Amino acid sequence: MADTLHSTHGIVGNTYKTITSQKNRQKLHVDGYLYNLKKTAKSKHYLCCRLKFLHKYKGRAITVNEADGEVLIKSVPHHHASDVTEVEKYQACHQLKESARLSRNTPAVAVDDVVASISLETTVSLPSRRSMLQQVNRIRHKKMVTYSTVATTLSTVDTAKYSLKEGTFI
């Protein structure tokens, strides 16, 4: 393959932050490249570049978890250019999910706030507006179902206690 080797792959000893993917998995962000966690052994995290299989190379990194982030121990050069818009897209999607959980704004306002906070290049790569609105509604519906399930469970327990005191069994 005629891919050129990109020398930017993080500086050993530096601390890098993780971002959360759409499926709530942690991804390491190193200078515009994203790594997925493959395994953890002792205190070390072994990660692979998310485009490893697409470009057919060993896109690996090894880190140690510290209080302020992941400290890079080892990293190999990439066979592709970095993609900062992809990182910003993951951050925007995570921000939308958090906004849906914590805020009582309408779904349209939540989506508009996220879209307004990112660059124009990243806006193009986001999911469709309809998809983001559905995601907000799903998160809020899931949250409401959890509360109603707890309330139903509590009322069932109270009914069972009352029935046992009266001598009847349901």
N, C-alpha and C. Protein backbone atom coordinates (compact mmCIF):
# COMPACT_ATOMS: atom_id res chain seq x y z
N MET A 1 0.84 -1.17 0.00
CA MET A 1 0.00 0.00 0.00
C MET A 1 0.89 1.24 0.00
N ALA A 2 0.49 2.28 -0.67
CA ALA A 2 1.32 3.46 -0.86
C ALA A 2 1.02 4.55 0.17
N ASP A 3 0.51 4.20 1.33
CA ASP A 3 0.24 5.20 2.36
C ASP A 3 1.54 5.76 2.89
N THR A 4 1.54 7.05 3.18
CA THR A 4 2.73 7.65 3.77
C THR A 4 2.64 7.52 5.28
N LEU A 5 3.80 7.49 5.90
CA LEU A 5 3.87 7.35 7.34
C LEU A 5 3.76 8.73 7.97
N HIS A 6 2.83 8.93 8.88
CA HIS A 6 2.65 10.22 9.54
C HIS A 6 3.40 10.18 10.87
N SER A 7 4.27 11.15 11.07
CA SER A 7 5.13 11.13 12.25
C SER A 7 4.41 11.56 13.52
N THR A 8 3.29 12.29 13.40
CA THR A 8 2.58 12.76 14.59
C THR A 8 1.77 11.60 15.17
N HIS A 9 2.19 11.10 16.30
CA HIS A 9 1.47 10.02 16.96
C HIS A 9 1.55 10.14 18.47
N GLY A 10 1.71 11.33 18.97
CA GLY A 10 1.74 11.55 20.40
C GLY A 10 3.16 11.56 20.94
N ILE A 11 3.34 12.22 22.04
CA ILE A 11 4.65 12.29 22.67
C ILE A 11 4.63 11.40 23.90
N VAL A 12 5.58 10.48 23.94
CA VAL A 12 5.67 9.55 25.08
C VAL A 12 5.90 10.36 26.35
N GLY A 13 5.13 10.04 27.37
CA GLY A 13 5.23 10.74 28.65
C GLY A 13 4.18 11.83 28.82
N ASN A 14 3.57 12.27 27.74
CA ASN A 14 2.51 13.29 27.83
C ASN A 14 1.20 12.64 28.28
N THR A 15 0.33 13.46 28.84
CA THR A 15 -0.98 13.00 29.30
C THR A 15 -2.03 13.40 28.28
N TYR A 16 -2.91 12.45 27.93
CA TYR A 16 -3.96 12.69 26.95
C TYR A 16 -5.31 12.34 27.56
N LYS A 17 -6.34 13.01 27.08
CA LYS A 17 -7.70 12.83 27.59
C LYS A 17 -8.46 11.77 26.80
N THR A 18 -9.45 11.18 27.45
CA THR A 18 -10.35 10.25 26.78
C THR A 18 -11.65 10.98 26.45
N ILE A 19 -12.33 10.51 25.42
CA ILE A 19 -13.65 11.02 25.09
C ILE A 19 -14.59 9.83 25.05
N THR A 20 -15.88 10.10 25.17
CA THR A 20 -16.87 9.04 25.20
C THR A 20 -17.52 8.90 23.84
N SER A 21 -17.61 7.65 23.35
CA SER A 21 -18.23 7.39 22.06
C SER A 21 -19.74 7.37 22.19
N GLN A 22 -20.44 7.17 21.09
CA GLN A 22 -21.90 7.12 21.11
C GLN A 22 -22.42 5.92 21.90
N LYS A 23 -21.60 4.88 22.00
CA LYS A 23 -22.00 3.69 22.76
C LYS A 23 -21.40 3.69 24.16
N ASN A 24 -21.03 4.88 24.63
CA ASN A 24 -20.48 5.09 25.98
C ASN A 24 -19.19 4.31 26.23
N ARG A 25 -18.39 4.14 25.20
CA ARG A 25 -17.07 3.53 25.35
C ARG A 25 -16.03 4.65 25.33
N GLN A 26 -14.98 4.44 26.10
CA GLN A 26 -13.92 5.44 26.18
C GLN A 26 -12.97 5.29 25.00
N LYS A 27 -12.64 6.42 24.37
CA LYS A 27 -11.67 6.47 23.28
C LYS A 27 -10.59 7.45 23.69
N LEU A 28 -9.35 7.08 23.43
CA LEU A 28 -8.23 7.96 23.73
C LEU A 28 -8.01 8.90 22.56
N HIS A 29 -7.89 10.18 22.85
CA HIS A 29 -7.66 11.21 21.82
C HIS A 29 -6.21 11.66 21.92
N VAL A 30 -5.42 11.34 20.86
CA VAL A 30 -4.01 11.72 20.82
C VAL A 30 -3.76 12.49 19.53
N ASP A 31 -3.63 13.79 19.63
CA ASP A 31 -3.28 14.66 18.49
C ASP A 31 -4.15 14.42 17.26
N GLY A 32 -5.44 14.29 17.44
CA GLY A 32 -6.36 14.12 16.30
C GLY A 32 -6.60 12.68 15.89
N TYR A 33 -5.98 11.72 16.56
CA TYR A 33 -6.19 10.30 16.30
C TYR A 33 -7.00 9.71 17.45
N LEU A 34 -7.84 8.74 17.14
CA LEU A 34 -8.65 8.08 18.17
C LEU A 34 -8.25 6.62 18.31
N TYR A 35 -8.12 6.19 19.55
CA TYR A 35 -7.77 4.81 19.85
C TYR A 35 -8.90 4.16 20.64
N ASN A 36 -9.17 2.88 20.35
CA ASN A 36 -10.15 2.09 21.10
C ASN A 36 -9.40 1.19 22.07
N LEU A 37 -9.96 1.03 23.27
CA LEU A 37 -9.36 0.15 24.27
C LEU A 37 -9.56 -1.30 23.85
N LYS A 38 -8.48 -2.07 23.80
CA LYS A 38 -8.56 -3.50 23.45
C LYS A 38 -8.46 -4.39 24.67
N LYS A 39 -7.51 -4.08 25.56
CA LYS A 39 -7.39 -4.87 26.78
C LYS A 39 -6.66 -4.07 27.85
N THR A 40 -6.83 -4.53 29.08
CA THR A 40 -6.13 -3.95 30.22
C THR A 40 -5.41 -5.07 30.94
N ALA A 41 -4.11 -4.88 31.17
CA ALA A 41 -3.31 -5.85 31.90
C ALA A 41 -2.52 -5.11 32.97
N LYS A 42 -2.71 -5.53 34.20
CA LYS A 42 -2.13 -4.84 35.35
C LYS A 42 -2.57 -3.38 35.31
N SER A 43 -1.65 -2.45 35.20
CA SER A 43 -2.06 -1.04 35.18
C SER A 43 -1.99 -0.44 33.78
N LYS A 44 -1.65 -1.25 32.78
CA LYS A 44 -1.48 -0.74 31.41
C LYS A 44 -2.74 -0.96 30.58
N HIS A 45 -3.02 0.03 29.71
CA HIS A 45 -4.13 -0.07 28.76
C HIS A 45 -3.51 -0.24 27.37
N TYR A 46 -3.98 -1.25 26.65
CA TYR A 46 -3.51 -1.50 25.28
C TYR A 46 -4.62 -1.05 24.33
N LEU A 47 -4.27 -0.14 23.44
CA LEU A 47 -5.26 0.47 22.56
C LEU A 47 -4.87 0.27 21.10
N CYS A 48 -5.89 0.31 20.21
CA CYS A 48 -5.68 0.23 18.77
C CYS A 48 -6.32 1.43 18.10
N CYS A 49 -5.69 1.92 17.05
CA CYS A 49 -6.25 3.02 16.28
C CYS A 49 -7.58 2.56 15.69
N ARG A 50 -8.55 3.43 15.66
CA ARG A 50 -9.87 3.04 15.16
C ARG A 50 -9.86 2.76 13.67
N LEU A 51 -8.85 3.23 12.93
CA LEU A 51 -8.75 2.99 11.49
C LEU A 51 -7.69 1.93 11.15
N LYS A 52 -7.30 1.14 12.13
CA LYS A 52 -6.25 0.14 11.97
C LYS A 52 -6.55 -0.84 10.83
N PHE A 53 -7.76 -1.36 10.79
CA PHE A 53 -8.10 -2.37 9.80
C PHE A 53 -8.34 -1.77 8.42
N LEU A 54 -8.79 -0.55 8.38
CA LEU A 54 -9.02 0.12 7.10
C LEU A 54 -7.71 0.37 6.36
N HIS A 55 -6.68 0.76 7.09
CA HIS A 55 -5.38 1.07 6.48
C HIS A 55 -4.39 -0.07 6.61
N LYS A 56 -4.76 -1.16 7.28
CA LYS A 56 -3.94 -2.37 7.41
C LYS A 56 -2.54 -2.08 7.95
N TYR A 57 -2.49 -1.62 9.17
CA TYR A 57 -1.21 -1.36 9.84
C TYR A 57 -1.40 -1.58 11.33
N LYS A 58 -0.30 -1.59 12.07
CA LYS A 58 -0.35 -1.80 13.52
C LYS A 58 -0.48 -0.46 14.22
N GLY A 59 -1.66 0.05 14.30
CA GLY A 59 -1.91 1.33 14.97
C GLY A 59 -2.16 1.08 16.44
N ARG A 60 -1.10 0.99 17.22
CA ARG A 60 -1.24 0.65 18.64
C ARG A 60 -0.69 1.75 19.53
N ALA A 61 -1.17 1.72 20.77
CA ALA A 61 -0.64 2.62 21.80
C ALA A 61 -0.78 1.91 23.15
N ILE A 62 0.11 2.23 24.05
CA ILE A 62 0.05 1.70 25.41
C ILE A 62 0.05 2.89 26.35
N THR A 63 -0.88 2.88 27.31
CA THR A 63 -0.98 3.99 28.27
C THR A 63 -1.11 3.46 29.69
N VAL A 64 -0.90 4.35 30.63
CA VAL A 64 -1.13 4.09 32.05
C VAL A 64 -2.10 5.16 32.53
N ASN A 65 -3.10 4.75 33.29
CA ASN A 65 -4.11 5.68 33.78
C ASN A 65 -3.57 6.49 34.96
N GLU A 66 -3.67 7.80 34.85
CA GLU A 66 -3.30 8.71 35.92
C GLU A 66 -4.52 9.53 36.30
N ALA A 67 -4.43 10.31 37.34
CA ALA A 67 -5.56 11.11 37.81
C ALA A 67 -6.03 12.13 36.78
N ASP A 68 -5.11 12.71 36.03
CA ASP A 68 -5.48 13.76 35.08
C ASP A 68 -5.60 13.27 33.64
N GLY A 69 -5.56 11.96 33.40
CA GLY A 69 -5.71 11.41 32.05
C GLY A 69 -4.87 10.17 31.85
N GLU A 70 -4.65 9.84 30.59
CA GLU A 70 -3.85 8.67 30.22
C GLU A 70 -2.45 9.12 29.83
N VAL A 71 -1.42 8.52 30.45
CA VAL A 71 -0.04 8.84 30.12
C VAL A 71 0.43 7.86 29.05
N LEU A 72 0.88 8.39 27.93
CA LEU A 72 1.32 7.59 26.80
C LEU A 72 2.69 6.97 27.09
N ILE A 73 2.78 5.65 26.97
CA ILE A 73 4.04 4.94 27.18
C ILE A 73 4.68 4.61 25.83
N LYS A 74 3.83 4.15 24.88
CA LYS A 74 4.35 3.75 23.57
C LYS A 74 3.27 4.00 22.52
N SER A 75 3.71 4.39 21.32
CA SER A 75 2.78 4.60 20.22
C SER A 75 3.53 4.40 18.90
N VAL A 76 2.85 3.88 17.90
CA VAL A 76 3.47 3.70 16.58
C VAL A 76 2.91 4.75 15.62
N PRO A 77 3.68 5.13 14.59
CA PRO A 77 3.19 6.13 13.63
C PRO A 77 1.96 5.63 12.87
N HIS A 78 1.14 6.56 12.44
CA HIS A 78 -0.08 6.23 11.70
C HIS A 78 0.17 6.25 10.20
N HIS A 79 -0.67 5.53 9.47
CA HIS A 79 -0.60 5.49 8.01
C HIS A 79 -1.70 6.34 7.39
N HIS A 80 -2.25 7.25 8.16
CA HIS A 80 -3.32 8.13 7.67
C HIS A 80 -3.22 9.46 8.40
N ALA A 81 -3.86 10.46 7.85
CA ALA A 81 -3.85 11.79 8.47
C ALA A 81 -4.79 11.82 9.67
N SER A 82 -4.54 12.74 10.58
CA SER A 82 -5.42 12.88 11.74
C SER A 82 -6.74 13.50 11.30
N ASP A 83 -7.78 13.27 12.12
CA ASP A 83 -9.11 13.78 11.79
C ASP A 83 -9.70 14.46 13.02
N VAL A 84 -9.46 15.74 13.15
CA VAL A 84 -9.92 16.51 14.31
C VAL A 84 -11.44 16.63 14.30
N THR A 85 -12.06 16.66 13.12
CA THR A 85 -13.52 16.78 13.07
C THR A 85 -14.20 15.54 13.65
N GLU A 86 -13.58 14.39 13.50
CA GLU A 86 -14.14 13.16 14.07
C GLU A 86 -14.15 13.23 15.59
N VAL A 87 -13.08 13.75 16.16
CA VAL A 87 -12.99 13.92 17.61
C VAL A 87 -14.06 14.89 18.09
N GLU A 88 -14.21 15.99 17.39
CA GLU A 88 -15.21 17.00 17.76
C GLU A 88 -16.63 16.43 17.63
N LYS A 89 -16.83 15.56 16.64
CA LYS A 89 -18.14 14.92 16.45
C LYS A 89 -18.48 14.03 17.65
N TYR A 90 -17.52 13.22 18.10
CA TYR A 90 -17.76 12.37 19.28
C TYR A 90 -18.08 13.23 20.50
N GLN A 91 -17.35 14.31 20.67
CA GLN A 91 -17.60 15.19 21.82
C GLN A 91 -18.98 15.83 21.74
N ALA A 92 -19.40 16.22 20.54
CA ALA A 92 -20.71 16.84 20.36
C ALA A 92 -21.83 15.84 20.65
N CYS A 93 -21.68 14.61 20.17
CA CYS A 93 -22.70 13.58 20.43
C CYS A 93 -22.80 13.26 21.91
N HIS A 94 -21.66 13.21 22.60
CA HIS A 94 -21.68 12.97 24.04
C HIS A 94 -22.33 14.15 24.77
N GLN A 95 -22.04 15.36 24.33
CA GLN A 95 -22.65 16.55 24.92
C GLN A 95 -24.17 16.53 24.74
N LEU A 96 -24.64 16.08 23.58
CA LEU A 96 -26.07 15.99 23.33
C LEU A 96 -26.74 14.99 24.28
N LYS A 97 -26.09 13.85 24.48
CA LYS A 97 -26.65 12.84 25.39
C LYS A 97 -26.72 13.35 26.82
N GLU A 98 -25.67 14.04 27.25
CA GLU A 98 -25.67 14.59 28.60
C GLU A 98 -26.74 15.67 28.75
N SER A 99 -26.89 16.48 27.74
CA SER A 99 -27.92 17.52 27.76
C SER A 99 -29.31 16.90 27.83
N ALA A 100 -29.52 15.80 27.12
CA ALA A 100 -30.82 15.13 27.14
C ALA A 100 -31.12 14.56 28.52
N ARG A 101 -30.10 14.05 29.20
CA ARG A 101 -30.29 13.47 30.53
C ARG A 101 -30.54 14.53 31.60
N LEU A 102 -29.80 15.64 31.51
CA LEU A 102 -29.80 16.60 32.61
C LEU A 102 -30.71 17.81 32.41
N SER A 103 -30.97 18.17 31.17
CA SER A 103 -31.72 19.39 30.89
C SER A 103 -33.18 19.07 30.60
N ARG A 104 -34.04 20.03 30.85
CA ARG A 104 -35.46 19.88 30.54
C ARG A 104 -35.85 20.68 29.30
N ASN A 105 -34.86 21.16 28.55
CA ASN A 105 -35.14 21.88 27.31
C ASN A 105 -35.82 20.94 26.31
N THR A 106 -36.49 21.52 25.34
CA THR A 106 -37.09 20.70 24.29
C THR A 106 -35.97 20.04 23.49
N PRO A 107 -36.25 18.92 22.85
CA PRO A 107 -35.23 18.26 22.04
C PRO A 107 -34.63 19.18 20.97
N ALA A 108 -35.46 20.01 20.36
CA ALA A 108 -34.96 20.92 19.32
C ALA A 108 -33.94 21.91 19.90
N VAL A 109 -34.20 22.43 21.09
CA VAL A 109 -33.27 23.37 21.72
C VAL A 109 -31.97 22.66 22.08
N ALA A 110 -32.06 21.43 22.59
CA ALA A 110 -30.86 20.67 22.94
C ALA A 110 -29.98 20.44 21.71
N VAL A 111 -30.60 20.06 20.59
CA VAL A 111 -29.85 19.83 19.36
C VAL A 111 -29.26 21.14 18.85
N ASP A 112 -30.03 22.22 18.87
CA ASP A 112 -29.54 23.51 18.40
C ASP A 112 -28.35 24.00 19.23
N ASP A 113 -28.39 23.79 20.54
CA ASP A 113 -27.28 24.21 21.40
C ASP A 113 -25.99 23.48 21.04
N VAL A 114 -26.10 22.18 20.79
CA VAL A 114 -24.92 21.39 20.44
C VAL A 114 -24.38 21.80 19.08
N VAL A 115 -25.26 21.95 18.12
CA VAL A 115 -24.84 22.32 16.76
C VAL A 115 -24.19 23.71 16.75
N ALA A 116 -24.69 24.62 17.57
CA ALA A 116 -24.14 25.97 17.63
C ALA A 116 -22.75 26.00 18.26
N SER A 117 -22.42 24.99 19.07
CA SER A 117 -21.15 25.00 19.79
C SER A 117 -20.00 24.36 19.03
N ILE A 118 -20.23 23.84 17.81
CA ILE A 118 -19.17 23.16 17.07
C ILE A 118 -18.87 23.88 15.75
N SER A 119 -17.78 23.48 15.13
CA SER A 119 -17.37 24.12 13.88
C SER A 119 -18.26 23.67 12.71
N LEU A 120 -18.23 24.44 11.64
CA LEU A 120 -19.03 24.15 10.46
C LEU A 120 -18.60 22.83 9.81
N GLU A 121 -17.29 22.54 9.79
CA GLU A 121 -16.79 21.29 9.21
C GLU A 121 -17.34 20.08 9.95
N THR A 122 -17.45 20.19 11.26
CA THR A 122 -17.96 19.08 12.06
C THR A 122 -19.46 18.93 11.90
N THR A 123 -20.16 20.03 11.74
CA THR A 123 -21.61 20.01 11.57
C THR A 123 -22.01 19.12 10.40
N VAL A 124 -21.23 19.14 9.34
CA VAL A 124 -21.51 18.33 8.15
C VAL A 124 -21.43 16.83 8.47
N SER A 125 -20.53 16.44 9.37
CA SER A 125 -20.35 15.01 9.67
C SER A 125 -21.26 14.49 10.78
N LEU A 126 -22.04 15.36 11.41
CA LEU A 126 -22.97 14.91 12.46
C LEU A 126 -24.11 14.08 11.86
N PRO A 127 -24.76 13.27 12.69
CA PRO A 127 -25.96 12.58 12.22
C PRO A 127 -27.03 13.60 11.83
N SER A 128 -28.05 13.16 11.12
CA SER A 128 -29.10 14.07 10.69
C SER A 128 -29.81 14.68 11.91
N ARG A 129 -30.44 15.81 11.71
CA ARG A 129 -31.17 16.49 12.78
C ARG A 129 -32.26 15.59 13.34
N ARG A 130 -32.97 14.91 12.45
CA ARG A 130 -34.04 14.01 12.87
C ARG A 130 -33.50 12.89 13.76
N SER A 131 -32.35 12.36 13.39
CA SER A 131 -31.72 11.30 14.18
C SER A 131 -31.32 11.80 15.57
N MET A 132 -30.80 13.01 15.64
CA MET A 132 -30.40 13.56 16.94
C MET A 132 -31.63 13.84 17.80
N LEU A 133 -32.72 14.32 17.21
CA LEU A 133 -33.96 14.55 17.95
C LEU A 133 -34.51 13.23 18.51
N GLN A 134 -34.45 12.18 17.70
CA GLN A 134 -34.91 10.87 18.16
C GLN A 134 -34.04 10.35 19.31
N GLN A 135 -32.74 10.61 19.22
CA GLN A 135 -31.84 10.17 20.28
C GLN A 135 -32.18 10.85 21.61
N VAL A 136 -32.45 12.15 21.57
CA VAL A 136 -32.84 12.88 22.78
C VAL A 136 -34.14 12.31 23.34
N ASN A 137 -35.12 12.07 22.48
CA ASN A 137 -36.40 11.51 22.93
C ASN A 137 -36.23 10.12 23.52
N ARG A 138 -35.37 9.29 22.91
CA ARG A 138 -35.12 7.94 23.43
C ARG A 138 -34.50 7.98 24.81
N ILE A 139 -33.52 8.86 24.99
CA ILE A 139 -32.85 8.98 26.29
C ILE A 139 -33.85 9.42 27.36
N ARG A 140 -34.67 10.38 27.04
CA ARG A 140 -35.65 10.87 28.02
C ARG A 140 -36.73 9.84 28.30
N HIS A 141 -37.16 9.09 27.28
CA HIS A 141 -38.16 8.05 27.47
C HIS A 141 -37.60 6.94 28.35
N LYS A 142 -36.35 6.57 28.12
CA LYS A 142 -35.69 5.54 28.92
C LYS A 142 -35.60 5.98 30.38
N LYS A 143 -35.31 7.25 30.60
CA LYS A 143 -35.22 7.79 31.95
C LYS A 143 -36.58 7.74 32.64
N MET A 144 -37.67 8.09 31.91
CA MET A 144 -39.01 8.07 32.49
C MET A 144 -39.46 6.65 32.79
N VAL A 145 -39.13 5.70 31.93
CA VAL A 145 -39.51 4.30 32.16
C VAL A 145 -38.86 3.80 33.42
N THR A 146 -37.63 4.17 33.66
CA THR A 146 -36.93 3.74 34.86
C THR A 146 -37.65 4.23 36.11
N TYR A 147 -38.07 5.50 36.13
CA TYR A 147 -38.78 6.03 37.29
C TYR A 147 -40.13 5.35 37.49
N SER A 148 -40.88 5.11 36.42
CA SER A 148 -42.19 4.48 36.58
C SER A 148 -42.04 3.03 37.02
N THR A 149 -40.99 2.34 36.57
CA THR A 149 -40.75 0.96 36.99
C THR A 149 -40.47 0.91 38.48
N VAL A 150 -39.67 1.85 38.98
CA VAL A 150 -39.37 1.91 40.40
C VAL A 150 -40.64 2.17 41.20
N ALA A 151 -41.47 3.09 40.76
CA ALA A 151 -42.72 3.42 41.46
C ALA A 151 -43.65 2.21 41.49
N THR A 152 -43.77 1.48 40.38
CA THR A 152 -44.61 0.29 40.32
C THR A 152 -44.08 -0.78 41.27
N THR A 153 -42.78 -0.97 41.29
CA THR A 153 -42.17 -1.96 42.17
C THR A 153 -42.44 -1.62 43.63
N LEU A 154 -42.30 -0.35 43.99
CA LEU A 154 -42.54 0.06 45.38
C LEU A 154 -44.00 -0.16 45.77
N SER A 155 -44.93 0.18 44.90
CA SER A 155 -46.33 0.00 45.25
C SER A 155 -46.67 -1.49 45.37
N THR A 156 -46.05 -2.35 44.57
CA THR A 156 -46.26 -3.79 44.67
C THR A 156 -45.74 -4.32 45.99
N VAL A 157 -44.58 -3.85 46.43
CA VAL A 157 -44.00 -4.27 47.71
C VAL A 157 -44.90 -3.83 48.85
N ASP A 158 -45.41 -2.60 48.82
CA ASP A 158 -46.30 -2.11 49.87
C ASP A 158 -47.59 -2.93 49.93
N THR A 159 -48.13 -3.30 48.77
CA THR A 159 -49.35 -4.12 48.72
C THR A 159 -49.08 -5.49 49.34
N ALA A 160 -47.93 -6.07 49.04
CA ALA A 160 -47.59 -7.39 49.58
C ALA A 160 -47.43 -7.32 51.10
N LYS A 161 -46.80 -6.26 51.62
CA LYS A 161 -46.66 -6.12 53.07
C LYS A 161 -48.02 -6.01 53.74
N TYR A 162 -48.92 -5.21 53.17
CA TYR A 162 -50.25 -5.03 53.74
C TYR A 162 -51.01 -6.34 53.73
N SER A 163 -50.91 -7.09 52.64
CA SER A 163 -51.63 -8.36 52.54
C SER A 163 -51.11 -9.37 53.55
N LEU A 164 -49.81 -9.38 53.81
CA LEU A 164 -49.26 -10.30 54.77
C LEU A 164 -49.71 -9.96 56.19
N LYS A 165 -49.86 -8.68 56.51
CA LYS A 165 -50.32 -8.27 57.84
C LYS A 165 -51.77 -8.68 58.06
N GLU A 166 -52.59 -8.62 57.04
CA GLU A 166 -53.99 -8.96 57.13
C GLU A 166 -54.23 -10.47 57.10
N GLY A 167 -53.21 -11.24 56.75
CA GLY A 167 -53.38 -12.69 56.72
C GLY A 167 -53.78 -13.22 55.35
N THR A 168 -53.89 -12.36 54.36
CA THR A 168 -54.21 -12.85 53.01
C THR A 168 -52.93 -12.85 52.18
N PHE A 169 -52.86 -13.79 51.30
CA PHE A 169 -51.68 -13.88 50.44
C PHE A 169 -52.10 -13.75 48.99
N ILE A 170 -51.42 -12.89 48.28
CA ILE A 170 -51.78 -12.66 46.87
C ILE A 170 -50.97 -13.57 45.99
